[in-house]
Amino acid sequence: MDLNKDRLWKLLDATRESTEHPRKNSEGYRELARKLGVPASNLHRLLNKSESKAGLVFMGKLREYCKDNELDFEEFISEKEATAAAVGEE
């Protein structure tokens, strides 16, 4: 399963907007990483490098965060893989 990075960017933006005193240089990465329970550097790399893929630990933490905050985890799964799987089944 691949991560829908666009949806994760929206979550990052929402986190930044809800932070009372955001730091200029953190741009919300640190706050969202803290909420997810992952290193900020991993979150930054995942979002900013096209070749980076989310691992099982990250996806598990994201799923737990979604469950705790009543978000739909399915929104964070990339449509590309779902489409490729459907084509492969035919």
PDB file of N, CA and C in Angstrom:
ATOM      1  N   MET A   1       0.845  -1.174   0.000  1.00  0.00           N
ATOM      2  CA  MET A   1       0.000   0.000   0.000  1.00  0.00           C
ATOM      3  C   MET A   1       0.884   1.228   0.000  1.00  0.00           C
ATOM      4  N   ASP A   2       0.549   2.190  -0.837  1.00  0.00           N
ATOM      5  CA  ASP A   2       1.304   3.434  -0.952  1.00  0.00           C
ATOM      6  C   ASP A   2       0.579   4.549  -0.223  1.00  0.00           C
ATOM      7  N   LEU A   3       1.369   5.500   0.213  1.00  0.00           N
ATOM      8  CA  LEU A   3       0.848   6.648   0.943  1.00  0.00           C
ATOM      9  C   LEU A   3       0.364   7.715  -0.026  1.00  0.00           C
ATOM     10  N   ASN A   4      -0.789   8.272   0.233  1.00  0.00           N
ATOM     11  CA  ASN A   4      -1.301   9.409  -0.528  1.00  0.00           C
ATOM     12  C   ASN A   4      -0.663  10.659   0.070  1.00  0.00           C
ATOM     13  N   LYS A   5       0.407  11.128  -0.547  1.00  0.00           N
ATOM     14  CA  LYS A   5       1.168  12.255   0.003  1.00  0.00           C
ATOM     15  C   LYS A   5       0.368  13.553  -0.019  1.00  0.00           C
ATOM     16  N   ASP A   6      -0.519  13.699  -1.012  1.00  0.00           N
ATOM     17  CA  ASP A   6      -1.351  14.911  -1.056  1.00  0.00           C
ATOM     18  C   ASP A   6      -2.228  15.013   0.188  1.00  0.00           C
ATOM     19  N   ARG A   7      -2.787  13.898   0.591  1.00  0.00           N
ATOM     20  CA  ARG A   7      -3.643  13.898   1.792  1.00  0.00           C
ATOM     21  C   ARG A   7      -2.816  14.168   3.041  1.00  0.00           C
ATOM     22  N   LEU A   8      -1.583  13.659   3.078  1.00  0.00           N
ATOM     23  CA  LEU A   8      -0.709  13.904   4.218  1.00  0.00           C
ATOM     24  C   LEU A   8      -0.304  15.375   4.274  1.00  0.00           C
ATOM     25  N   TRP A   9      -0.107  16.006   3.105  1.00  0.00           N
ATOM     26  CA  TRP A   9       0.175  17.442   3.079  1.00  0.00           C
ATOM     27  C   TRP A   9      -1.004  18.228   3.664  1.00  0.00           C
ATOM     28  N   LYS A  10      -2.217  17.812   3.345  1.00  0.00           N
ATOM     29  CA  LYS A  10      -3.393  18.496   3.899  1.00  0.00           C
ATOM     30  C   LYS A  10      -3.439  18.359   5.416  1.00  0.00           C
ATOM     31  N   LEU A  11      -3.068  17.190   5.918  1.00  0.00           N
ATOM     32  CA  LEU A  11      -3.016  16.984   7.362  1.00  0.00           C
ATOM     33  C   LEU A  11      -1.930  17.863   7.978  1.00  0.00           C
ATOM     34  N   LEU A  12      -0.807  17.999   7.306  1.00  0.00           N
ATOM     35  CA  LEU A  12       0.271  18.866   7.777  1.00  0.00           C
ATOM     36  C   LEU A  12      -0.196  20.319   7.820  1.00  0.00           C
ATOM     37  N   ASP A  13      -0.887  20.767   6.782  1.00  0.00           N
ATOM     38  CA  ASP A  13      -1.416  22.131   6.760  1.00  0.00           C
ATOM     39  C   ASP A  13      -2.413  22.373   7.883  1.00  0.00           C
ATOM     40  N   ALA A  14      -3.282  21.407   8.112  1.00  0.00           N
ATOM     41  CA  ALA A  14      -4.263  21.530   9.192  1.00  0.00           C
ATOM     42  C   ALA A  14      -3.574  21.585  10.551  1.00  0.00           C
ATOM     43  N   THR A  15      -2.521  20.801  10.708  1.00  0.00           N
ATOM     44  CA  THR A  15      -1.765  20.805  11.965  1.00  0.00           C
ATOM     45  C   THR A  15      -1.095  22.152  12.168  1.00  0.00           C
ATOM     46  N   ARG A  16      -0.514  22.690  11.107  1.00  0.00           N
ATOM     47  CA  ARG A  16       0.142  23.995  11.191  1.00  0.00           C
ATOM     48  C   ARG A  16      -0.851  25.087  11.561  1.00  0.00           C
ATOM     49  N   GLU A  17      -2.028  25.057  10.962  1.00  0.00           N
ATOM     50  CA  GLU A  17      -3.044  26.070  11.239  1.00  0.00           C
ATOM     51  C   GLU A  17      -3.584  25.967  12.658  1.00  0.00           C
ATOM     52  N   SER A  18      -3.624  24.763  13.198  1.00  0.00           N
ATOM     53  CA  SER A  18      -4.180  24.588  14.537  1.00  0.00           C
ATOM     54  C   SER A  18      -3.144  24.800  15.640  1.00  0.00           C
ATOM     55  N   THR A  19      -1.858  24.908  15.262  1.00  0.00           N
ATOM     56  CA  THR A  19      -0.810  25.128  16.249  1.00  0.00           C
ATOM     57  C   THR A  19      -0.848  26.572  16.700  1.00  0.00           C
ATOM     58  N   GLU A  20      -0.864  26.778  17.999  1.00  0.00           N
ATOM     59  CA  GLU A  20      -1.006  28.121  18.549  1.00  0.00           C
ATOM     60  C   GLU A  20       0.196  29.002  18.226  1.00  0.00           C
ATOM     61  N   HIS A  21       1.400  28.484  18.416  1.00  0.00           N
ATOM     62  CA  HIS A  21       2.611  29.257  18.164  1.00  0.00           C
ATOM     63  C   HIS A  21       3.565  28.463  17.276  1.00  0.00           C
ATOM     64  N   PRO A  22       3.261  28.396  15.975  1.00  0.00           N
ATOM     65  CA  PRO A  22       4.149  27.611  15.108  1.00  0.00           C
ATOM     66  C   PRO A  22       5.501  28.284  14.961  1.00  0.00           C
ATOM     67  N   ARG A  23       6.539  27.475  14.875  1.00  0.00           N
ATOM     68  CA  ARG A  23       7.877  28.009  14.651  1.00  0.00           C
ATOM     69  C   ARG A  23       8.065  28.237  13.165  1.00  0.00           C
ATOM     70  N   LYS A  24       8.798  29.273  12.831  1.00  0.00           N
ATOM     71  CA  LYS A  24       8.992  29.607  11.422  1.00  0.00           C
ATOM     72  C   LYS A  24       9.651  28.478  10.642  1.00  0.00           C
ATOM     73  N   ASN A  25      10.694  27.880  11.201  1.00  0.00           N
ATOM     74  CA  ASN A  25      11.449  26.909  10.436  1.00  0.00           C
ATOM     75  C   ASN A  25      10.899  25.494  10.506  1.00  0.00           C
ATOM     76  N   SER A  26       9.984  25.221  11.383  1.00  0.00           N
ATOM     77  CA  SER A  26       9.489  23.847  11.491  1.00  0.00           C
ATOM     78  C   SER A  26       8.389  23.547  10.484  1.00  0.00           C
ATOM     79  N   GLU A  27       7.642  24.564  10.085  1.00  0.00           N
ATOM     80  CA  GLU A  27       6.566  24.442   9.110  1.00  0.00           C
ATOM     81  C   GLU A  27       5.574  23.328   9.429  1.00  0.00           C
ATOM     82  N   GLY A  28       5.422  22.987  10.677  1.00  0.00           N
ATOM     83  CA  GLY A  28       4.441  21.987  11.077  1.00  0.00           C
ATOM     84  C   GLY A  28       4.953  20.568  11.098  1.00  0.00           C
ATOM     85  N   TYR A  29       6.135  20.315  10.526  1.00  0.00           N
ATOM     86  CA  TYR A  29       6.673  18.955  10.497  1.00  0.00           C
ATOM     87  C   TYR A  29       6.840  18.405  11.907  1.00  0.00           C
ATOM     88  N   ARG A  30       7.441  19.198  12.774  1.00  0.00           N
ATOM     89  CA  ARG A  30       7.714  18.721  14.129  1.00  0.00           C
ATOM     90  C   ARG A  30       6.429  18.416  14.887  1.00  0.00           C
ATOM     91  N   GLU A  31       5.461  19.297  14.745  1.00  0.00           N
ATOM     92  CA  GLU A  31       4.201  19.109  15.463  1.00  0.00           C
ATOM     93  C   GLU A  31       3.469  17.864  14.973  1.00  0.00           C
ATOM     94  N   LEU A  32       3.377  17.692  13.662  1.00  0.00           N
ATOM     95  CA  LEU A  32       2.699  16.516  13.124  1.00  0.00           C
ATOM     96  C   LEU A  32       3.476  15.249  13.456  1.00  0.00           C
ATOM     97  N   ALA A  33       4.796  15.307  13.368  1.00  0.00           N
ATOM     98  CA  ALA A  33       5.617  14.138  13.709  1.00  0.00           C
ATOM     99  C   ALA A  33       5.410  13.755  15.167  1.00  0.00           C
ATOM    100  N   ARG A  34       5.314  14.739  16.032  1.00  0.00           N
ATOM    101  CA  ARG A  34       5.072  14.478  17.452  1.00  0.00           C
ATOM    102  C   ARG A  34       3.712  13.802  17.645  1.00  0.00           C
ATOM    103  N   LYS A  35       2.715  14.282  16.932  1.00  0.00           N
ATOM    104  CA  LYS A  35       1.382  13.692  17.044  1.00  0.00           C
ATOM    105  C   LYS A  35       1.344  12.264  16.515  1.00  0.00           C
ATOM    106  N   LEU A  36       2.100  12.014  15.450  1.00  0.00           N
ATOM    107  CA  LEU A  36       2.130  10.673  14.864  1.00  0.00           C
ATOM    108  C   LEU A  36       3.058   9.727  15.626  1.00  0.00           C
ATOM    109  N   GLY A  37       4.027  10.298  16.340  1.00  0.00           N
ATOM    110  CA  GLY A  37       4.988   9.467  17.053  1.00  0.00           C
ATOM    111  C   GLY A  37       6.112   8.966  16.164  1.00  0.00           C
ATOM    112  N   VAL A  38       6.491   9.784  15.173  1.00  0.00           N
ATOM    113  CA  VAL A  38       7.582   9.441  14.258  1.00  0.00           C
ATOM    114  C   VAL A  38       8.613  10.561  14.276  1.00  0.00           C
ATOM    115  N   PRO A  39       9.844  10.284  13.880  1.00  0.00           N
ATOM    116  CA  PRO A  39      10.854  11.347  13.806  1.00  0.00           C
ATOM    117  C   PRO A  39      10.481  12.388  12.745  1.00  0.00           C
ATOM    118  N   ALA A  40      10.688  13.657  13.061  1.00  0.00           N
ATOM    119  CA  ALA A  40      10.360  14.735  12.129  1.00  0.00           C
ATOM    120  C   ALA A  40      11.155  14.613  10.835  1.00  0.00           C
ATOM    121  N   SER A  41      12.396  14.145  10.935  1.00  0.00           N
ATOM    122  CA  SER A  41      13.215  14.008   9.731  1.00  0.00           C
ATOM    123  C   SER A  41      12.626  12.961   8.779  1.00  0.00           C
ATOM    124  N   ASN A  42      12.059  11.909   9.318  1.00  0.00           N
ATOM    125  CA  ASN A  42      11.430  10.888   8.470  1.00  0.00           C
ATOM    126  C   ASN A  42      10.200  11.444   7.761  1.00  0.00           C
ATOM    127  N   LEU A  43       9.399  12.217   8.492  1.00  0.00           N
ATOM    128  CA  LEU A  43       8.204  12.822   7.904  1.00  0.00           C
ATOM    129  C   LEU A  43       8.603  13.791   6.798  1.00  0.00           C
ATOM    130  N   HIS A  44       9.604  14.621   7.058  1.00  0.00           N
ATOM    131  CA  HIS A  44      10.072  15.586   6.068  1.00  0.00           C
ATOM    132  C   HIS A  44      10.574  14.881   4.816  1.00  0.00           C
ATOM    133  N   ARG A  45      11.378  13.846   4.984  1.00  0.00           N
ATOM    134  CA  ARG A  45      11.920  13.082   3.849  1.00  0.00           C
ATOM    135  C   ARG A  45      10.796  12.430   3.055  1.00  0.00           C
ATOM    136  N   LEU A  46       9.851  11.869   3.758  1.00  0.00           N
ATOM    137  CA  LEU A  46       8.735  11.184   3.107  1.00  0.00           C
ATOM    138  C   LEU A  46       7.927  12.147   2.234  1.00  0.00           C
ATOM    139  N   LEU A  47       7.702  13.342   2.738  1.00  0.00           N
ATOM    140  CA  LEU A  47       6.896  14.306   1.998  1.00  0.00           C
ATOM    141  C   LEU A  47       7.658  15.010   0.879  1.00  0.00           C
ATOM    142  N   ASN A  48       8.952  15.175   1.030  1.00  0.00           N
ATOM    143  CA  ASN A  48       9.695  16.006   0.089  1.00  0.00           C
ATOM    144  C   ASN A  48      10.554  15.261  -0.914  1.00  0.00           C
ATOM    145  N   LYS A  49      10.711  13.983  -0.772  1.00  0.00           N
ATOM    146  CA  LYS A  49      11.467  13.203  -1.753  1.00  0.00           C
ATOM    147  C   LYS A  49      10.523  12.239  -2.443  1.00  0.00           C
ATOM    148  N   SER A  50      10.450  12.351  -3.745  1.00  0.00           N
ATOM    149  CA  SER A  50       9.491  11.545  -4.497  1.00  0.00           C
ATOM    150  C   SER A  50       9.784  10.050  -4.405  1.00  0.00           C
ATOM    151  N   GLU A  51      11.045   9.684  -4.234  1.00  0.00           N
ATOM    152  CA  GLU A  51      11.378   8.259  -4.179  1.00  0.00           C
ATOM    153  C   GLU A  51      11.149   7.646  -2.801  1.00  0.00           C
ATOM    154  N   SER A  52      10.874   8.460  -1.787  1.00  0.00           N
ATOM    155  CA  SER A  52      10.650   7.934  -0.437  1.00  0.00           C
ATOM    156  C   SER A  52       9.294   7.255  -0.334  1.00  0.00           C
ATOM    157  N   LYS A  53       9.281   6.127   0.325  1.00  0.00           N
ATOM    158  CA  LYS A  53       8.052   5.354   0.537  1.00  0.00           C
ATOM    159  C   LYS A  53       7.814   5.200   2.030  1.00  0.00           C
ATOM    160  N   ALA A  54       6.557   5.179   2.426  1.00  0.00           N
ATOM    161  CA  ALA A  54       6.197   4.973   3.828  1.00  0.00           C
ATOM    162  C   ALA A  54       6.336   3.499   4.167  1.00  0.00           C
ATOM    163  N   GLY A  55       6.976   3.235   5.292  1.00  0.00           N
ATOM    164  CA  GLY A  55       7.136   1.858   5.740  1.00  0.00           C
ATOM    165  C   GLY A  55       5.973   1.403   6.600  1.00  0.00           C
ATOM    166  N   LEU A  56       6.056   0.174   7.047  1.00  0.00           N
ATOM    167  CA  LEU A  56       4.989  -0.400   7.863  1.00  0.00           C
ATOM    168  C   LEU A  56       4.817   0.329   9.192  1.00  0.00           C
ATOM    169  N   VAL A  57       5.928   0.728   9.809  1.00  0.00           N
ATOM    170  CA  VAL A  57       5.847   1.417  11.098  1.00  0.00           C
ATOM    171  C   VAL A  57       5.134   2.752  10.934  1.00  0.00           C
ATOM    172  N   PHE A  58       5.517   3.517   9.905  1.00  0.00           N
ATOM    173  CA  PHE A  58       4.876   4.803   9.665  1.00  0.00           C
ATOM    174  C   PHE A  58       3.387   4.633   9.381  1.00  0.00           C
ATOM    175  N   MET A  59       3.056   3.683   8.507  1.00  0.00           N
ATOM    176  CA  MET A  59       1.649   3.476   8.170  1.00  0.00           C
ATOM    177  C   MET A  59       0.851   3.024   9.389  1.00  0.00           C
ATOM    178  N   GLY A  60       1.463   2.215  10.239  1.00  0.00           N
ATOM    179  CA  GLY A  60       0.791   1.781  11.462  1.00  0.00           C
ATOM    180  C   GLY A  60       0.522   2.944  12.403  1.00  0.00           C
ATOM    181  N   LYS A  61       1.509   3.829  12.524  1.00  0.00           N
ATOM    182  CA  LYS A  61       1.327   4.997  13.397  1.00  0.00           C
ATOM    183  C   LYS A  61       0.292   5.948  12.819  1.00  0.00           C
ATOM    184  N   LEU A  62       0.297   6.103  11.510  1.00  0.00           N
ATOM    185  CA  LEU A  62      -0.697   6.948  10.855  1.00  0.00           C
ATOM    186  C   LEU A  62      -2.092   6.360  11.035  1.00  0.00           C
ATOM    187  N   ARG A  63      -2.198   5.051  10.919  1.00  0.00           N
ATOM    188  CA  ARG A  63      -3.502   4.395  11.104  1.00  0.00           C
ATOM    189  C   ARG A  63      -4.015   4.593  12.533  1.00  0.00           C
ATOM    190  N   GLU A  64      -3.124   4.449  13.493  1.00  0.00           N
ATOM    191  CA  GLU A  64      -3.496   4.655  14.895  1.00  0.00           C
ATOM    192  C   GLU A  64      -3.929   6.104  15.138  1.00  0.00           C
ATOM    193  N   TYR A  65      -3.211   7.050  14.542  1.00  0.00           N
ATOM    194  CA  TYR A  65      -3.562   8.468  14.665  1.00  0.00           C
ATOM    195  C   TYR A  65      -4.946   8.728  14.066  1.00  0.00           C
ATOM    196  N   CYS A  66      -5.197   8.153  12.906  1.00  0.00           N
ATOM    197  CA  CYS A  66      -6.500   8.317  12.252  1.00  0.00           C
ATOM    198  C   CYS A  66      -7.613   7.750  13.125  1.00  0.00           C
ATOM    199  N   LYS A  67      -7.363   6.603  13.703  1.00  0.00           N
ATOM    200  CA  LYS A  67      -8.366   5.970  14.568  1.00  0.00           C
ATOM    201  C   LYS A  67      -8.661   6.834  15.792  1.00  0.00           C
ATOM    202  N   ASP A  68      -7.607   7.354  16.416  1.00  0.00           N
ATOM    203  CA  ASP A  68      -7.765   8.189  17.612  1.00  0.00           C
ATOM    204  C   ASP A  68      -8.445   9.517  17.315  1.00  0.00           C
ATOM    205  N   ASN A  69      -8.259  10.043  16.102  1.00  0.00           N
ATOM    206  CA  ASN A  69      -8.796  11.349  15.743  1.00  0.00           C
ATOM    207  C   ASN A  69      -9.981  11.272  14.789  1.00  0.00           C
ATOM    208  N   GLU A  70     -10.533  10.076  14.648  1.00  0.00           N
ATOM    209  CA  GLU A  70     -11.716   9.838  13.828  1.00  0.00           C
ATOM    210  C   GLU A  70     -11.550  10.340  12.392  1.00  0.00           C
ATOM    211  N   LEU A  71     -10.394  10.016  11.800  1.00  0.00           N
ATOM    212  CA  LEU A  71     -10.135  10.319  10.403  1.00  0.00           C
ATOM    213  C   LEU A  71     -10.236   9.019   9.609  1.00  0.00           C
ATOM    214  N   ASP A  72     -10.533   9.135   8.338  1.00  0.00           N
ATOM    215  CA  ASP A  72     -10.640   7.963   7.475  1.00  0.00           C
ATOM    216  C   ASP A  72      -9.245   7.590   6.963  1.00  0.00           C
ATOM    217  N   PHE A  73      -8.710   6.492   7.447  1.00  0.00           N
ATOM    218  CA  PHE A  73      -7.376   6.042   7.054  1.00  0.00           C
ATOM    219  C   PHE A  73      -7.301   5.741   5.563  1.00  0.00           C
ATOM    220  N   GLU A  74      -8.400   5.317   4.980  1.00  0.00           N
ATOM    221  CA  GLU A  74      -8.421   4.986   3.549  1.00  0.00           C
ATOM    222  C   GLU A  74      -8.066   6.190   2.680  1.00  0.00           C
ATOM    223  N   GLU A  75      -8.313   7.412   3.176  1.00  0.00           N
ATOM    224  CA  GLU A  75      -7.956   8.616   2.424  1.00  0.00           C
ATOM    225  C   GLU A  75      -6.447   8.763   2.275  1.00  0.00           C
ATOM    226  N   PHE A  76      -5.690   8.154   3.167  1.00  0.00           N
ATOM    227  CA  PHE A  76      -4.239   8.271   3.169  1.00  0.00           C
ATOM    228  C   PHE A  76      -3.558   7.190   2.322  1.00  0.00           C
ATOM    229  N   ILE A  77      -4.348   6.348   1.690  1.00  0.00           N
ATOM    230  CA  ILE A  77      -3.808   5.307   0.826  1.00  0.00           C
ATOM    231  C   ILE A  77      -3.939   5.775  -0.613  1.00  0.00           C
ATOM    232  N   SER A  78      -2.849   5.668  -1.354  1.00  0.00           N
ATOM    233  CA  SER A  78      -2.783   6.176  -2.713  1.00  0.00           C
ATOM    234  C   SER A  78      -3.727   5.428  -3.641  1.00  0.00           C
ATOM    235  N   GLU A  79      -4.359   6.165  -4.521  1.00  0.00           N
ATOM    236  CA  GLU A  79      -5.259   5.594  -5.514  1.00  0.00           C
ATOM    237  C   GLU A  79      -4.490   4.871  -6.610  1.00  0.00           C
ATOM    238  N   LYS A  80      -3.230   5.250  -6.828  1.00  0.00           N
ATOM    239  CA  LYS A  80      -2.437   4.635  -7.910  1.00  0.00           C
ATOM    240  C   LYS A  80      -2.332   3.134  -7.722  1.00  0.00           C
ATOM    241  N   GLU A  81      -2.054   2.714  -6.502  1.00  0.00           N
ATOM    242  CA  GLU A  81      -1.891   1.280  -6.246  1.00  0.00           C
ATOM    243  C   GLU A  81      -3.222   0.553  -6.388  1.00  0.00           C
ATOM    244  N   ALA A  82      -4.289   1.169  -5.905  1.00  0.00           N
ATOM    245  CA  ALA A  82      -5.603   0.536  -6.007  1.00  0.00           C
ATOM    246  C   ALA A  82      -5.988   0.351  -7.481  1.00  0.00           C
ATOM    247  N   THR A  83      -5.683   1.344  -8.309  1.00  0.00           N
ATOM    248  CA  THR A  83      -5.974   1.259  -9.742  1.00  0.00           C
ATOM    249  C   THR A  83      -5.116   0.171 -10.392  1.00  0.00           C
ATOM    250  N   ALA A  84      -3.832   0.131 -10.045  1.00  0.00           N
ATOM    251  CA  ALA A  84      -2.932  -0.880 -10.613  1.00  0.00           C
ATOM    252  C   ALA A  84      -3.362  -2.281 -10.221  1.00  0.00           C
ATOM    253  N   ALA A  85      -3.820  -2.459  -8.996  1.00  0.00           N
ATOM    254  CA  ALA A  85      -4.270  -3.765  -8.542  1.00  0.00           C
ATOM    255  C   ALA A  85      -5.530  -4.194  -9.299  1.00  0.00           C
ATOM    256  N   ALA A  86      -6.428  -3.247  -9.539  1.00  0.00           N
ATOM    257  CA  ALA A  86      -7.653  -3.571 -10.250  1.00  0.00           C
ATOM    258  C   ALA A  86      -7.350  -3.962 -11.703  1.00  0.00           C
ATOM    259  N   VAL A  87      -6.405  -3.294 -12.320  1.00  0.00           N
ATOM    260  CA  VAL A  87      -6.033  -3.610 -13.703  1.00  0.00           C
ATOM    261  C   VAL A  87      -5.379  -4.982 -13.743  1.00  0.00           C
ATOM    262  N   GLY A  88      -4.549  -5.303 -12.746  1.00  0.00           N
ATOM    263  CA  GLY A  88      -3.860  -6.575 -12.711  1.00  0.00           C
ATOM    264  C   GLY A  88      -4.780  -7.761 -12.501  1.00  0.00           C
ATOM    265  N   GLU A  89      -5.932  -7.519 -11.874  1.00  0.00           N
ATOM    266  CA  GLU A  89      -6.876  -8.611 -11.583  1.00  0.00           C
ATOM    267  C   GLU A  89      -7.656  -9.027 -12.813  1.00  0.00           C
ATOM    268  N   GLU A  90      -7.761  -8.138 -13.785  1.00  0.00           N
ATOM    269  CA  GLU A  90      -8.578  -8.433 -14.967  1.00  0.00           C
ATOM    270  C   GLU A  90      -7.937  -9.425 -15.875  1.00  0.00           C
TER     271      GLU A  90
END
